[in-house]
Amino acid sequence: MALIVALFSTTTSYSGTDVALFSTATTNIGTHVALFLTTTTNIGTDVALFSTTTSNIGTDVALFSTTTSSIGTDCGSDLNNYQQ
């Protein structure tokens, strides 16, 4: 997949070896942009499934950098231009 850009809210956290699995119920994967819900947390080995209210996701699975965490609004740079 192309460059994945993650837009994290300031209350979204992410650490460890977590893998964010995008629910097949969500929509608009084409942009490869993940909009995280403000209540979404993903710590340690937990797996976060995004609800149908999350936009711009879809059926793809994205592996996020373990160093990615909430940094303001745009954490895209933390993904180190991850490509599949």
PDB file of N, CA and C in Angstrom:
ATOM      1  N   MET A   1       0.834  -1.182   0.000  1.00  0.00           N
ATOM      2  CA  MET A   1       0.000   0.000   0.000  1.00  0.00           C
ATOM      3  C   MET A   1       0.870   1.234   0.000  1.00  0.00           C
ATOM      4  N   ALA A   2       0.293   2.319  -0.374  1.00  0.00           N
ATOM      5  CA  ALA A   2       1.044   3.572  -0.464  1.00  0.00           C
ATOM      6  C   ALA A   2       1.332   4.126   0.927  1.00  0.00           C
ATOM      7  N   LEU A   3       1.923   5.283   0.943  1.00  0.00           N
ATOM      8  CA  LEU A   3       2.221   5.949   2.205  1.00  0.00           C
ATOM      9  C   LEU A   3       0.995   6.056   3.078  1.00  0.00           C
ATOM     10  N   ILE A   4       1.128   5.626   4.293  1.00  0.00           N
ATOM     11  CA  ILE A   4       0.017   5.697   5.231  1.00  0.00           C
ATOM     12  C   ILE A   4       0.242   6.862   6.179  1.00  0.00           C
ATOM     13  N   VAL A   5      -0.740   7.702   6.264  1.00  0.00           N
ATOM     14  CA  VAL A   5      -0.638   8.851   7.162  1.00  0.00           C
ATOM     15  C   VAL A   5      -1.648   8.686   8.292  1.00  0.00           C
ATOM     16  N   ALA A   6      -1.172   8.793   9.505  1.00  0.00           N
ATOM     17  CA  ALA A   6      -2.070   8.639  10.643  1.00  0.00           C
ATOM     18  C   ALA A   6      -2.319   9.978  11.311  1.00  0.00           C
ATOM     19  N   LEU A   7      -3.574  10.292  11.479  1.00  0.00           N
ATOM     20  CA  LEU A   7      -3.939  11.513  12.204  1.00  0.00           C
ATOM     21  C   LEU A   7      -4.436  11.114  13.578  1.00  0.00           C
ATOM     22  N   PHE A   8      -3.627  11.392  14.576  1.00  0.00           N
ATOM     23  CA  PHE A   8      -3.971  10.994  15.926  1.00  0.00           C
ATOM     24  C   PHE A   8      -4.525  12.172  16.727  1.00  0.00           C
ATOM     25  N   SER A   9      -5.512  11.880  17.546  1.00  0.00           N
ATOM     26  CA  SER A   9      -5.981  12.919  18.457  1.00  0.00           C
ATOM     27  C   SER A   9      -5.002  13.012  19.613  1.00  0.00           C
ATOM     28  N   THR A  10      -5.078  14.085  20.363  1.00  0.00           N
ATOM     29  CA  THR A  10      -4.125  14.281  21.449  1.00  0.00           C
ATOM     30  C   THR A  10      -4.339  13.291  22.585  1.00  0.00           C
ATOM     31  N   THR A  11      -5.482  12.621  22.594  1.00  0.00           N
ATOM     32  CA  THR A  11      -5.735  11.657  23.658  1.00  0.00           C
ATOM     33  C   THR A  11      -5.494  10.222  23.207  1.00  0.00           C
ATOM     34  N   THR A  12      -5.102  10.045  21.968  1.00  0.00           N
ATOM     35  CA  THR A  12      -4.823   8.705  21.463  1.00  0.00           C
ATOM     36  C   THR A  12      -3.388   8.329  21.771  1.00  0.00           C
ATOM     37  N   SER A  13      -3.216   7.151  22.373  1.00  0.00           N
ATOM     38  CA  SER A  13      -1.862   6.699  22.674  1.00  0.00           C
ATOM     39  C   SER A  13      -1.574   5.382  21.986  1.00  0.00           C
ATOM     40  N   TYR A  14      -0.292   5.141  21.768  1.00  0.00           N
ATOM     41  CA  TYR A  14       0.109   3.939  21.046  1.00  0.00           C
ATOM     42  C   TYR A  14       1.530   3.584  21.448  1.00  0.00           C
ATOM     43  N   SER A  15       1.721   2.345  21.877  1.00  0.00           N
ATOM     44  CA  SER A  15       3.069   1.964  22.282  1.00  0.00           C
ATOM     45  C   SER A  15       3.278   0.465  22.175  1.00  0.00           C
ATOM     46  N   GLY A  16       4.483   0.015  22.433  1.00  0.00           N
ATOM     47  CA  GLY A  16       4.785  -1.401  22.393  1.00  0.00           C
ATOM     48  C   GLY A  16       4.763  -1.942  20.981  1.00  0.00           C
ATOM     49  N   THR A  17       4.307  -3.178  20.845  1.00  0.00           N
ATOM     50  CA  THR A  17       4.288  -3.827  19.538  1.00  0.00           C
ATOM     51  C   THR A  17       2.876  -3.933  19.000  1.00  0.00           C
ATOM     52  N   ASP A  18       2.042  -2.989  19.380  1.00  0.00           N
ATOM     53  CA  ASP A  18       0.639  -3.021  18.988  1.00  0.00           C
ATOM     54  C   ASP A  18       0.441  -2.988  17.488  1.00  0.00           C
ATOM     55  N   VAL A  19      -0.612  -3.625  17.059  1.00  0.00           N
ATOM     56  CA  VAL A  19      -0.997  -3.585  15.655  1.00  0.00           C
ATOM     57  C   VAL A  19      -2.417  -3.060  15.568  1.00  0.00           C
ATOM     58  N   ALA A  20      -2.604  -1.995  14.808  1.00  0.00           N
ATOM     59  CA  ALA A  20      -3.942  -1.435  14.663  1.00  0.00           C
ATOM     60  C   ALA A  20      -4.630  -2.116  13.487  1.00  0.00           C
ATOM     61  N   LEU A  21      -5.728  -2.812  13.776  1.00  0.00           N
ATOM     62  CA  LEU A  21      -6.464  -3.492  12.725  1.00  0.00           C
ATOM     63  C   LEU A  21      -7.675  -2.674  12.348  1.00  0.00           C
ATOM     64  N   PHE A  22      -7.750  -2.328  11.073  1.00  0.00           N
ATOM     65  CA  PHE A  22      -8.867  -1.512  10.635  1.00  0.00           C
ATOM     66  C   PHE A  22     -10.064  -2.397  10.359  1.00  0.00           C
ATOM     67  N   SER A  23     -11.180  -2.056  10.972  1.00  0.00           N
ATOM     68  CA  SER A  23     -12.386  -2.857  10.830  1.00  0.00           C
ATOM     69  C   SER A  23     -12.899  -2.843   9.404  1.00  0.00           C
ATOM     70  N   THR A  24     -13.389  -3.984   8.958  1.00  0.00           N
ATOM     71  CA  THR A  24     -13.917  -4.056   7.596  1.00  0.00           C
ATOM     72  C   THR A  24     -15.215  -3.275   7.470  1.00  0.00           C
ATOM     73  N   ALA A  25     -15.745  -2.871   8.595  1.00  0.00           N
ATOM     74  CA  ALA A  25     -17.007  -2.134   8.579  1.00  0.00           C
ATOM     75  C   ALA A  25     -16.810  -0.642   8.311  1.00  0.00           C
ATOM     76  N   THR A  26     -15.567  -0.189   8.406  1.00  0.00           N
ATOM     77  CA  THR A  26     -15.303   1.224   8.180  1.00  0.00           C
ATOM     78  C   THR A  26     -15.215   1.526   6.692  1.00  0.00           C
ATOM     79  N   THR A  27     -15.101   2.786   6.355  1.00  0.00           N
ATOM     80  CA  THR A  27     -15.203   3.172   4.948  1.00  0.00           C
ATOM     81  C   THR A  27     -14.031   3.990   4.434  1.00  0.00           C
ATOM     82  N   ASN A  28     -13.953   4.095   3.117  1.00  0.00           N
ATOM     83  CA  ASN A  28     -13.014   4.986   2.427  1.00  0.00           C
ATOM     84  C   ASN A  28     -11.544   4.680   2.674  1.00  0.00           C
ATOM     85  N   ILE A  29     -11.113   3.452   2.340  1.00  0.00           N
ATOM     86  CA  ILE A  29      -9.704   3.074   2.523  1.00  0.00           C
ATOM     87  C   ILE A  29      -8.808   3.720   1.490  1.00  0.00           C
ATOM     88  N   GLY A  30      -9.372   4.130   0.398  1.00  0.00           N
ATOM     89  CA  GLY A  30      -8.588   4.633  -0.719  1.00  0.00           C
ATOM     90  C   GLY A  30      -7.515   5.618  -0.346  1.00  0.00           C
ATOM     91  N   THR A  31      -7.788   6.475   0.625  1.00  0.00           N
ATOM     92  CA  THR A  31      -6.837   7.512   0.998  1.00  0.00           C
ATOM     93  C   THR A  31      -5.733   7.014   1.916  1.00  0.00           C
ATOM     94  N   HIS A  32      -5.908   5.813   2.473  1.00  0.00           N
ATOM     95  CA  HIS A  32      -4.938   5.275   3.429  1.00  0.00           C
ATOM     96  C   HIS A  32      -4.707   6.215   4.594  1.00  0.00           C
ATOM     97  N   VAL A  33      -5.755   6.933   4.989  1.00  0.00           N
ATOM     98  CA  VAL A  33      -5.631   7.842   6.121  1.00  0.00           C
ATOM     99  C   VAL A  33      -6.457   7.330   7.287  1.00  0.00           C
ATOM    100  N   ALA A  34      -5.843   7.183   8.442  1.00  0.00           N
ATOM    101  CA  ALA A  34      -6.550   6.687   9.608  1.00  0.00           C
ATOM    102  C   ALA A  34      -6.902   7.825  10.548  1.00  0.00           C
ATOM    103  N   LEU A  35      -8.203   7.996  10.786  1.00  0.00           N
ATOM    104  CA  LEU A  35      -8.639   8.991  11.750  1.00  0.00           C
ATOM    105  C   LEU A  35      -9.011   8.270  13.037  1.00  0.00           C
ATOM    106  N   PHE A  36      -8.238   8.480  14.068  1.00  0.00           N
ATOM    107  CA  PHE A  36      -8.441   7.756  15.307  1.00  0.00           C
ATOM    108  C   PHE A  36      -9.466   8.443  16.210  1.00  0.00           C
ATOM    109  N   LEU A  37     -10.317   7.628  16.824  1.00  0.00           N
ATOM    110  CA  LEU A  37     -11.276   8.165  17.777  1.00  0.00           C
ATOM    111  C   LEU A  37     -10.542   8.658  19.021  1.00  0.00           C
ATOM    112  N   THR A  38     -11.085   9.655  19.673  1.00  0.00           N
ATOM    113  CA  THR A  38     -10.411  10.243  20.828  1.00  0.00           C
ATOM    114  C   THR A  38     -10.323   9.267  22.001  1.00  0.00           C
ATOM    115  N   THR A  39     -11.144   8.255  22.001  1.00  0.00           N
ATOM    116  CA  THR A  39     -11.124   7.289  23.103  1.00  0.00           C
ATOM    117  C   THR A  39     -10.289   6.063  22.783  1.00  0.00           C
ATOM    118  N   THR A  40      -9.712   6.018  21.603  1.00  0.00           N
ATOM    119  CA  THR A  40      -8.928   4.859  21.194  1.00  0.00           C
ATOM    120  C   THR A  40      -7.561   4.849  21.867  1.00  0.00           C
ATOM    121  N   THR A  41      -7.276   3.758  22.567  1.00  0.00           N
ATOM    122  CA  THR A  41      -5.936   3.576  23.128  1.00  0.00           C
ATOM    123  C   THR A  41      -5.394   2.227  22.694  1.00  0.00           C
ATOM    124  N   ASN A  42      -4.101   2.116  22.595  1.00  0.00           N
ATOM    125  CA  ASN A  42      -3.468   0.925  22.054  1.00  0.00           C
ATOM    126  C   ASN A  42      -2.115   0.745  22.719  1.00  0.00           C
ATOM    127  N   ILE A  43      -2.107   0.028  23.857  1.00  0.00           N
ATOM    128  CA  ILE A  43      -0.903  -0.039  24.682  1.00  0.00           C
ATOM    129  C   ILE A  43      -0.444  -1.482  24.882  1.00  0.00           C
ATOM    130  N   GLY A  44       0.842  -1.691  24.984  1.00  0.00           N
ATOM    131  CA  GLY A  44       1.382  -3.023  25.194  1.00  0.00           C
ATOM    132  C   GLY A  44       1.115  -3.910  23.999  1.00  0.00           C
ATOM    133  N   THR A  45       0.444  -5.033  24.219  1.00  0.00           N
ATOM    134  CA  THR A  45       0.143  -5.951  23.133  1.00  0.00           C
ATOM    135  C   THR A  45      -1.314  -5.900  22.740  1.00  0.00           C
ATOM    136  N   ASP A  46      -2.026  -4.883  23.203  1.00  0.00           N
ATOM    137  CA  ASP A  46      -3.439  -4.745  22.888  1.00  0.00           C
ATOM    138  C   ASP A  46      -3.660  -4.458  21.413  1.00  0.00           C
ATOM    139  N   VAL A  47      -4.785  -4.900  20.900  1.00  0.00           N
ATOM    140  CA  VAL A  47      -5.144  -4.634  19.523  1.00  0.00           C
ATOM    141  C   VAL A  47      -6.382  -3.764  19.511  1.00  0.00           C
ATOM    142  N   ALA A  48      -6.308  -2.633  18.812  1.00  0.00           N
ATOM    143  CA  ALA A  48      -7.442  -1.724  18.761  1.00  0.00           C
ATOM    144  C   ALA A  48      -8.210  -1.914  17.460  1.00  0.00           C
ATOM    145  N   LEU A  49      -9.506  -2.175  17.574  1.00  0.00           N
ATOM    146  CA  LEU A  49     -10.351  -2.266  16.398  1.00  0.00           C
ATOM    147  C   LEU A  49     -11.151  -0.984  16.298  1.00  0.00           C
ATOM    148  N   PHE A  50     -11.124  -0.394  15.109  1.00  0.00           N
ATOM    149  CA  PHE A  50     -11.777   0.878  14.951  1.00  0.00           C
ATOM    150  C   PHE A  50     -13.247   0.708  14.611  1.00  0.00           C
ATOM    151  N   SER A  51     -14.067   1.538  15.214  1.00  0.00           N
ATOM    152  CA  SER A  51     -15.510   1.404  15.045  1.00  0.00           C
ATOM    153  C   SER A  51     -15.966   1.961  13.706  1.00  0.00           C
ATOM    154  N   THR A  52     -17.213   1.721  13.392  1.00  0.00           N
ATOM    155  CA  THR A  52     -17.746   2.146  12.107  1.00  0.00           C
ATOM    156  C   THR A  52     -17.867   3.659  12.009  1.00  0.00           C
ATOM    157  N   THR A  53     -17.691   4.351  13.136  1.00  0.00           N
ATOM    158  CA  THR A  53     -17.762   5.805  13.106  1.00  0.00           C
ATOM    159  C   THR A  53     -16.448   6.424  12.652  1.00  0.00           C
ATOM    160  N   THR A  54     -15.415   5.603  12.539  1.00  0.00           N
ATOM    161  CA  THR A  54     -14.129   6.100  12.075  1.00  0.00           C
ATOM    162  C   THR A  54     -14.139   6.202  10.560  1.00  0.00           C
ATOM    163  N   SER A  55     -13.769   7.351  10.042  1.00  0.00           N
ATOM    164  CA  SER A  55     -13.796   7.551   8.595  1.00  0.00           C
ATOM    165  C   SER A  55     -12.415   7.373   7.984  1.00  0.00           C
ATOM    166  N   ASN A  56     -12.405   7.260   6.662  1.00  0.00           N
ATOM    167  CA  ASN A  56     -11.155   7.131   5.902  1.00  0.00           C
ATOM    168  C   ASN A  56     -10.295   5.957   6.332  1.00  0.00           C
ATOM    169  N   ILE A  57     -10.927   4.792   6.527  1.00  0.00           N
ATOM    170  CA  ILE A  57     -10.147   3.595   6.840  1.00  0.00           C
ATOM    171  C   ILE A  57     -10.536   2.518   5.849  1.00  0.00           C
ATOM    172  N   GLY A  58     -11.135   1.438   6.248  1.00  0.00           N
ATOM    173  CA  GLY A  58     -11.555   0.427   5.302  1.00  0.00           C
ATOM    174  C   GLY A  58     -11.143  -0.972   5.682  1.00  0.00           C
ATOM    175  N   THR A  59     -10.802  -1.780   4.701  1.00  0.00           N
ATOM    176  CA  THR A  59     -10.534  -3.186   4.989  1.00  0.00           C
ATOM    177  C   THR A  59      -9.059  -3.517   5.113  1.00  0.00           C
ATOM    178  N   ASP A  60      -8.182  -2.602   4.780  1.00  0.00           N
ATOM    179  CA  ASP A  60      -6.752  -2.884   4.852  1.00  0.00           C
ATOM    180  C   ASP A  60      -6.253  -2.935   6.298  1.00  0.00           C
ATOM    181  N   VAL A  61      -5.159  -3.627   6.484  1.00  0.00           N
ATOM    182  CA  VAL A  61      -4.527  -3.690   7.796  1.00  0.00           C
ATOM    183  C   VAL A  61      -3.233  -2.886   7.744  1.00  0.00           C
ATOM    184  N   ALA A  62      -3.083  -1.959   8.677  1.00  0.00           N
ATOM    185  CA  ALA A  62      -1.877  -1.138   8.695  1.00  0.00           C
ATOM    186  C   ALA A  62      -1.015  -1.474   9.900  1.00  0.00           C
ATOM    187  N   LEU A  63       0.275  -1.650   9.659  1.00  0.00           N
ATOM    188  CA  LEU A  63       1.207  -1.885  10.748  1.00  0.00           C
ATOM    189  C   LEU A  63       1.908  -0.566  11.061  1.00  0.00           C
ATOM    190  N   PHE A  64       1.635  -0.068  12.259  1.00  0.00           N
ATOM    191  CA  PHE A  64       2.189   1.222  12.630  1.00  0.00           C
ATOM    192  C   PHE A  64       3.507   1.076  13.374  1.00  0.00           C
ATOM    193  N   SER A  65       4.336   2.069  13.200  1.00  0.00           N
ATOM    194  CA  SER A  65       5.623   2.078  13.876  1.00  0.00           C
ATOM    195  C   SER A  65       5.423   2.026  15.383  1.00  0.00           C
ATOM    196  N   THR A  66       6.259   1.277  16.074  1.00  0.00           N
ATOM    197  CA  THR A  66       6.120   1.157  17.520  1.00  0.00           C
ATOM    198  C   THR A  66       6.454   2.464  18.224  1.00  0.00           C
ATOM    199  N   THR A  67       7.057   3.386  17.485  1.00  0.00           N
ATOM    200  CA  THR A  67       7.406   4.668  18.092  1.00  0.00           C
ATOM    201  C   THR A  67       6.302   5.699  17.899  1.00  0.00           C
ATOM    202  N   THR A  68       5.246   5.306  17.199  1.00  0.00           N
ATOM    203  CA  THR A  68       4.162   6.248  16.938  1.00  0.00           C
ATOM    204  C   THR A  68       3.327   6.456  18.186  1.00  0.00           C
ATOM    205  N   SER A  69       3.093   7.704  18.523  1.00  0.00           N
ATOM    206  CA  SER A  69       2.232   8.037  19.655  1.00  0.00           C
ATOM    207  C   SER A  69       1.544   9.355  19.354  1.00  0.00           C
ATOM    208  N   SER A  70       0.688   9.771  20.272  1.00  0.00           N
ATOM    209  CA  SER A  70      -0.046  11.000  20.011  1.00  0.00           C
ATOM    210  C   SER A  70       0.884  12.202  20.082  1.00  0.00           C
ATOM    211  N   ILE A  71       1.021  12.883  18.959  1.00  0.00           N
ATOM    212  CA  ILE A  71       1.838  14.100  18.925  1.00  0.00           C
ATOM    213  C   ILE A  71       1.034  15.154  18.196  1.00  0.00           C
ATOM    214  N   GLY A  72       0.279  15.915  18.939  1.00  0.00           N
ATOM    215  CA  GLY A  72      -0.572  16.918  18.323  1.00  0.00           C
ATOM    216  C   GLY A  72      -1.607  16.248  17.435  1.00  0.00           C
ATOM    217  N   THR A  73      -1.651  16.674  16.181  1.00  0.00           N
ATOM    218  CA  THR A  73      -2.653  16.148  15.258  1.00  0.00           C
ATOM    219  C   THR A  73      -2.059  15.250  14.190  1.00  0.00           C
ATOM    220  N   ASP A  74      -0.912  15.607  13.666  1.00  0.00           N
ATOM    221  CA  ASP A  74      -0.343  14.873  12.550  1.00  0.00           C
ATOM    222  C   ASP A  74       0.891  14.083  12.965  1.00  0.00           C
ATOM    223  N   CYS A  75       0.739  12.753  13.003  1.00  0.00           N
ATOM    224  CA  CYS A  75       1.861  11.884  13.362  1.00  0.00           C
ATOM    225  C   CYS A  75       2.404  11.156  12.150  1.00  0.00           C
ATOM    226  N   GLY A  76       2.051  11.625  10.982  1.00  0.00           N
ATOM    227  CA  GLY A  76       2.446  10.935   9.767  1.00  0.00           C
ATOM    228  C   GLY A  76       3.935  10.698   9.671  1.00  0.00           C
ATOM    229  N   SER A  77       4.719  11.646  10.135  1.00  0.00           N
ATOM    230  CA  SER A  77       6.166  11.513  10.026  1.00  0.00           C
ATOM    231  C   SER A  77       6.694  10.352  10.849  1.00  0.00           C
ATOM    232  N   ASP A  78       5.976   9.990  11.913  1.00  0.00           N
ATOM    233  CA  ASP A  78       6.409   8.890  12.758  1.00  0.00           C
ATOM    234  C   ASP A  78       6.268   7.535  12.071  1.00  0.00           C
ATOM    235  N   LEU A  79       5.498   7.511  10.998  1.00  0.00           N
ATOM    236  CA  LEU A  79       5.308   6.247  10.294  1.00  0.00           C
ATOM    237  C   LEU A  79       6.482   5.914   9.387  1.00  0.00           C
ATOM    238  N   ASN A  80       7.424   6.853   9.309  1.00  0.00           N
ATOM    239  CA  ASN A  80       8.638   6.632   8.521  1.00  0.00           C
ATOM    240  C   ASN A  80       8.330   6.185   7.093  1.00  0.00           C
ATOM    241  N   ASN A  81       7.281   6.790   6.535  1.00  0.00           N
ATOM    242  CA  ASN A  81       6.900   6.475   5.160  1.00  0.00           C
ATOM    243  C   ASN A  81       6.689   4.983   4.936  1.00  0.00           C
ATOM    244  N   TYR A  82       6.053   4.353   5.922  1.00  0.00           N
ATOM    245  CA  TYR A  82       5.795   2.922   5.813  1.00  0.00           C
ATOM    246  C   TYR A  82       5.073   2.578   4.519  1.00  0.00           C
ATOM    247  N   GLN A  83       5.634   1.638   3.787  1.00  0.00           N
ATOM    248  CA  GLN A  83       5.019   1.185   2.544  1.00  0.00           C
ATOM    249  C   GLN A  83       5.006  -0.332   2.496  1.00  0.00           C
ATOM    250  N   GLN A  84       3.998  -0.884   1.835  1.00  0.00           N
ATOM    251  CA  GLN A  84       3.911  -2.333   1.696  1.00  0.00           C
ATOM    252  C   GLN A  84       4.365  -2.743   0.312  1.00  0.00           C
TER     253      GLN A  84
END
